[in-house]
Protein backbone atom coordinates (compact mmCIF):
# COMPACT_ATOMS: atom_id res chain seq x y z
CA MET A 1 89.02 99.32 76.72
CA LYS A 2 87.77 96.24 78.55
CA ILE A 3 90.09 95.37 81.46
CA ILE A 4 89.77 92.19 83.52
CA VAL A 5 91.13 91.59 86.98
CA CYS A 6 91.14 88.04 88.37
CA VAL A 7 90.57 87.71 92.11
CA SER A 8 90.89 84.93 94.70
CA HIS A 9 88.88 84.40 97.90
CA VAL A 10 91.46 83.32 100.51
CA PRO A 11 91.73 82.84 104.29
CA ASP A 12 93.09 85.89 106.13
CA THR A 13 96.72 85.22 106.96
CA ALA A 14 95.98 86.29 110.58
CA THR A 15 93.13 83.81 111.05
CA LYS A 16 93.56 80.51 112.91
CA ILE A 17 93.51 77.52 110.59
CA ASN A 18 92.36 74.07 111.61
CA LEU A 19 92.44 70.94 109.46
CA GLY A 20 89.20 69.44 108.22
CA ALA A 21 88.04 65.97 109.22
CA ASP A 22 89.19 64.54 105.89
CA GLY A 23 92.79 65.58 106.52
CA LYS A 24 92.92 67.06 103.00
CA SER A 25 91.33 70.46 103.49
CA ILE A 26 90.91 73.19 106.08
CA ASP A 27 87.95 73.58 108.42
CA ASN A 28 86.21 76.76 107.31
CA ASN A 29 84.36 77.23 110.61
CA GLY A 30 85.52 80.46 112.23
CA VAL A 31 87.89 81.26 109.34
CA THR A 32 87.87 84.86 108.07
CA PHE A 33 88.15 85.10 104.29
CA VAL A 34 89.45 88.16 102.41
CA VAL A 35 90.39 89.39 98.98
CA ASN A 36 93.79 87.89 98.20
CA PRO A 37 96.19 90.68 99.27
CA TYR A 38 98.19 90.70 96.01
CA ASP A 39 94.93 90.93 94.06
CA GLU A 40 94.23 94.29 95.73
CA TYR A 41 97.22 95.71 93.84
CA ALA A 42 95.84 94.18 90.64
CA ILE A 43 92.42 95.77 91.24
CA GLU A 44 93.98 99.16 91.91
CA GLU A 45 96.14 99.03 88.79
CA ALA A 46 93.15 98.03 86.65
CA LEU A 47 91.15 100.98 88.03
CA LYS A 48 94.07 103.39 87.57
CA THR A 49 94.48 102.28 83.97
CA LYS A 50 90.81 102.83 83.22
CA GLU A 51 90.95 106.27 84.85
CA SER A 52 94.05 107.25 82.87
CA LEU A 53 92.32 106.24 79.64
CA GLY A 54 89.21 108.17 80.57
CA GLU A 55 86.97 105.34 79.46
CA GLY A 56 86.52 101.60 79.54
CA GLU A 57 85.21 98.88 81.84
CA VAL A 58 86.85 96.86 84.61
CA ILE A 59 85.47 93.37 85.27
CA ALA A 60 86.39 91.20 88.26
CA ILE A 61 86.38 87.41 87.69
CA SER A 62 86.70 84.70 90.32
CA VAL A 63 86.63 80.90 90.06
CA GLY A 64 85.06 78.99 92.96
CA PRO A 65 82.00 78.43 95.07
CA GLU A 66 79.17 80.84 95.98
CA VAL A 67 81.16 82.42 98.83
CA ASN A 68 83.58 83.91 96.27
CA LYS A 69 80.88 86.49 95.62
CA GLU A 70 82.02 88.25 98.82
CA THR A 71 85.42 88.94 97.29
CA ILE A 72 83.89 90.11 94.03
CA LYS A 73 81.61 92.49 96.01
CA LYS A 74 84.67 94.01 97.68
CA ALA A 75 86.23 94.59 94.22
CA LEU A 76 82.96 96.24 93.11
CA ALA A 77 83.04 98.47 96.19
CA MET A 78 86.56 99.60 95.24
CA GLY A 79 85.27 100.73 91.86
CA VAL A 80 85.15 97.71 89.57
CA ASP A 81 82.17 97.93 87.14
CA ARG A 82 80.86 94.37 87.22
CA GLY A 83 81.72 90.88 88.38
CA ILE A 84 81.65 87.35 87.05
CA LEU A 85 81.63 84.22 89.22
CA LEU A 86 82.77 81.11 87.42
CA LYS A 87 81.06 78.71 89.74
CA ASP A 88 82.60 75.40 90.82
CA GLU A 89 82.06 73.90 94.23
CA ASN A 90 84.97 71.50 93.77
CA PRO A 91 88.63 72.36 94.33
CA ARG A 92 90.73 72.92 91.22
CA ASP A 93 94.47 72.90 90.64
CA SER A 94 96.20 75.92 89.09
CA LEU A 95 95.88 74.69 85.49
CA ALA A 96 92.17 73.98 85.84
CA VAL A 97 91.62 77.48 87.28
CA ALA A 98 93.66 79.00 84.45
CA LYS A 99 91.61 77.14 81.85
CA ALA A 100 88.35 78.44 83.27
CA LEU A 101 89.71 82.00 83.36
CA ALA A 102 91.16 81.79 79.85
CA ASP A 103 87.85 80.60 78.46
CA GLU A 104 85.95 83.54 80.02
CA ILE A 105 88.59 86.15 79.12
CA LYS A 106 88.40 84.97 75.51
CA GLN A 107 84.62 85.26 75.51
CA GLU A 108 84.78 88.79 77.00
CA GLY A 109 87.27 89.87 74.36
CA ALA A 110 89.58 91.64 76.86
CA GLU A 111 93.15 92.41 75.90
CA LEU A 112 94.50 93.56 79.27
CA VAL A 113 94.25 91.34 82.33
CA PHE A 114 95.63 91.85 85.84
CA PHE A 115 96.33 89.19 88.47
CA GLY A 116 98.03 89.27 91.85
CA LYS A 117 101.42 87.61 91.59
CA GLN A 118 100.21 84.73 93.74
CA SER A 119 97.41 83.75 96.12
CA VAL A 120 98.34 83.43 99.77
CA ASP A 121 96.59 80.08 100.24
CA TYR A 122 98.49 77.77 97.85
CA ASP A 123 101.27 80.22 96.82
CA ASN A 124 101.80 78.50 93.47
CA SER A 125 102.43 81.80 91.62
CA VAL A 126 101.55 80.28 88.22
CA VAL A 127 97.89 80.95 87.34
CA GLY A 128 98.53 84.25 85.61
CA GLN A 129 101.32 82.85 83.48
CA MET A 130 99.33 79.72 82.63
CA THR A 131 96.35 81.83 81.60
CA ALA A 132 98.58 83.91 79.33
CA GLU A 133 100.01 80.79 77.70
CA LEU A 134 96.52 79.32 77.09
CA LEU A 135 95.36 82.60 75.48
CA GLY A 136 98.56 83.32 73.57
CA PHE A 137 98.93 86.62 75.46
CA ASN A 138 102.18 88.33 76.41
CA SER A 139 102.89 88.11 80.13
CA VAL A 140 104.93 90.09 82.64
CA SER A 141 105.06 88.83 86.22
CA VAL A 142 105.93 90.37 89.61
CA VAL A 143 105.32 93.88 88.29
CA VAL A 144 106.10 96.92 90.47
CA ASP A 145 105.61 99.63 87.82
CA PHE A 146 103.26 99.66 84.85
CA LYS A 147 102.76 102.09 81.98
CA LEU A 148 100.43 101.71 79.02
CA ASP A 149 100.85 103.86 75.89
CA GLY A 150 98.36 102.84 73.21
CA THR A 151 99.04 99.12 72.76
CA ASN A 152 102.58 99.34 74.12
CA ILE A 153 103.49 98.38 77.68
CA VAL A 154 106.58 99.25 79.72
CA ALA A 155 106.68 97.29 82.98
CA GLU A 156 109.24 97.09 85.75
CA ARG A 157 109.43 93.77 87.58
CA GLU A 158 111.28 92.43 90.60
CA ILE A 159 114.03 89.94 90.04
CA GLU A 160 116.51 88.50 92.53
CA GLY A 161 118.90 91.23 93.47
CA GLY A 162 117.32 93.99 91.44
CA ARG A 163 114.67 95.10 88.97
CA GLU A 164 114.12 94.46 85.27
CA VAL A 165 112.40 96.74 82.74
CA VAL A 166 110.31 94.87 80.15
CA GLU A 167 108.67 96.22 77.01
CA THR A 168 105.78 94.33 75.46
CA SER A 169 102.40 94.98 73.87
CA LEU A 170 98.71 94.09 74.12
CA PRO A 171 97.17 91.61 74.54
CA ALA A 172 98.92 91.03 77.87
CA ILE A 173 98.57 89.61 81.34
CA ILE A 174 100.23 91.45 84.22
CA THR A 175 100.77 89.92 87.68
CA ALA A 176 101.03 92.53 90.40
CA GLN A 177 103.58 92.67 93.21
CA LYS A 178 103.40 94.73 96.43
CA GLY A 179 104.73 98.21 95.70
CA LEU A 180 103.01 98.56 92.31
CA ASN A 181 100.56 101.02 93.89
CA GLU A 182 98.65 101.83 97.06
CA PRO A 183 95.25 100.09 96.89
CA ARG A 184 92.33 102.36 97.64
CA TYR A 185 89.87 101.77 100.43
CA ALA A 186 86.25 101.17 99.54
CA SER A 187 84.31 104.35 100.36
CA LEU A 188 80.76 104.31 101.80
CA LYS A 189 79.56 105.57 98.40
CA GLY A 190 81.42 102.71 96.71
CA ILE A 191 79.97 100.12 99.07
CA MET A 192 76.46 101.40 98.43
CA ALA A 193 77.04 101.53 94.67
CA ALA A 194 78.38 97.96 94.67
CA LYS A 195 74.93 96.69 95.73
CA LYS A 196 73.55 97.74 92.35
CA LYS A 197 76.40 96.38 90.23
CA PRO A 198 75.80 93.02 88.51
CA ILE A 199 77.57 89.77 89.32
CA ASP A 200 76.97 87.21 86.57
CA GLU A 201 77.08 83.59 87.61
CA LYS A 202 77.96 80.84 85.16
CA PRO A 203 79.46 77.36 85.37
CA ALA A 204 83.23 77.33 85.13
CA ALA A 205 84.51 75.70 81.98
CA GLU A 206 85.23 72.01 82.60
CA ALA A 207 88.89 71.19 83.08
CA LYS A 208 90.76 68.27 84.50
CA SER A 209 92.85 68.79 87.65
CA TYR A 210 96.21 67.02 87.52
CA VAL A 211 97.20 67.79 91.12
CA GLU A 212 95.50 66.04 94.02
CA VAL A 213 95.89 66.95 97.71
CA VAL A 214 96.54 63.65 99.48
CA GLU A 215 97.23 65.03 102.95
CA MET A 216 97.48 68.21 104.96
CA LYS A 217 99.31 68.34 108.26
CA ARG A 218 100.68 70.90 110.66
CA PRO A 219 104.42 71.57 110.76
CA ALA A 220 106.29 69.52 113.31
CA PRO A 221 106.75 71.37 116.60
CA LYS A 222 110.15 72.98 117.10
CA ALA A 223 112.58 71.14 119.35
CA ALA A 224 113.38 72.67 122.70
CA GLY A 225 116.38 75.00 122.78
CA LYS A 226 119.68 74.02 124.35
CA ILE A 227 122.08 76.23 126.33
CA VAL A 228 125.66 75.03 126.06
CA GLY A 229 127.31 77.71 128.16
CA SER A 230 127.46 81.39 128.97
CA ASP A 231 131.03 82.41 128.03
CA ALA A 232 133.72 81.83 125.42
CA SER A 233 134.48 78.35 126.77
CA ALA A 234 131.19 77.14 125.24
CA VAL A 235 132.24 77.97 121.65
CA PRO A 236 133.93 74.59 120.85
CA GLU A 237 130.87 72.69 122.04
CA LEU A 238 128.54 75.01 120.11
CA VAL A 239 130.55 74.46 116.93
CA ARG A 240 130.48 70.68 117.47
CA LEU A 241 126.69 70.70 117.89
CA LEU A 242 126.16 72.86 114.82
CA ARG A 243 128.33 70.53 112.79
CA GLU A 244 127.26 67.10 114.11
CA GLU A 245 123.67 67.59 115.26
CA ALA A 246 122.23 70.57 113.39
CA LYS A 247 124.47 69.86 110.37
CA VAL A 248 124.44 73.52 109.31
CA ILE A 249 128.25 73.96 109.11
């Protein structure tokens, strides 16, 4: 079976972010980029599925500029067989990314595709579902347990206040949530082997972006705190401030 895992190259959530001079993007100088954390669960599940089948191929695909190769290389070091970079130096919205991925997945003829449930840069949480719709694939999102039996899938997904068990079949797209598995570390052997694994480069399929970033700005600084008293006599004033100023009650 051919299994595809789609990966994003994102800023580390612990890195310091500064705005670019255009006010519409971030300044990449000094920014540490990593594999999107949710995509690590997708990579692990793709590898586990191949191992359980005893055969197959896992392919990592990323849409973006040349630097996205670094994330593909990390996937290869974890055990992925080969990579594909759908190259585009220009930013794309979620739909344009999904169209590029759908075009390549169709060409590869894969029937099982894994995504992270969202990327930690834009947090739109829609690329996997959009790609499924474009391909006509079944889709299960926010998955925390996955089982494949032939062409049948039983997946458990997180919903508000609980979990939901979903049955579906191939072809399918699965978006992975934290808790689905424990992603493996890349071993030294895996890192060395990754250097010999191919990464194909090709232009991303053309697609119009309907979303434009018009401005980025930092959150407004928090207002200074206010102490209204130190004993029970301060309660009426505290209630008044919460009602009239903070407007939370």
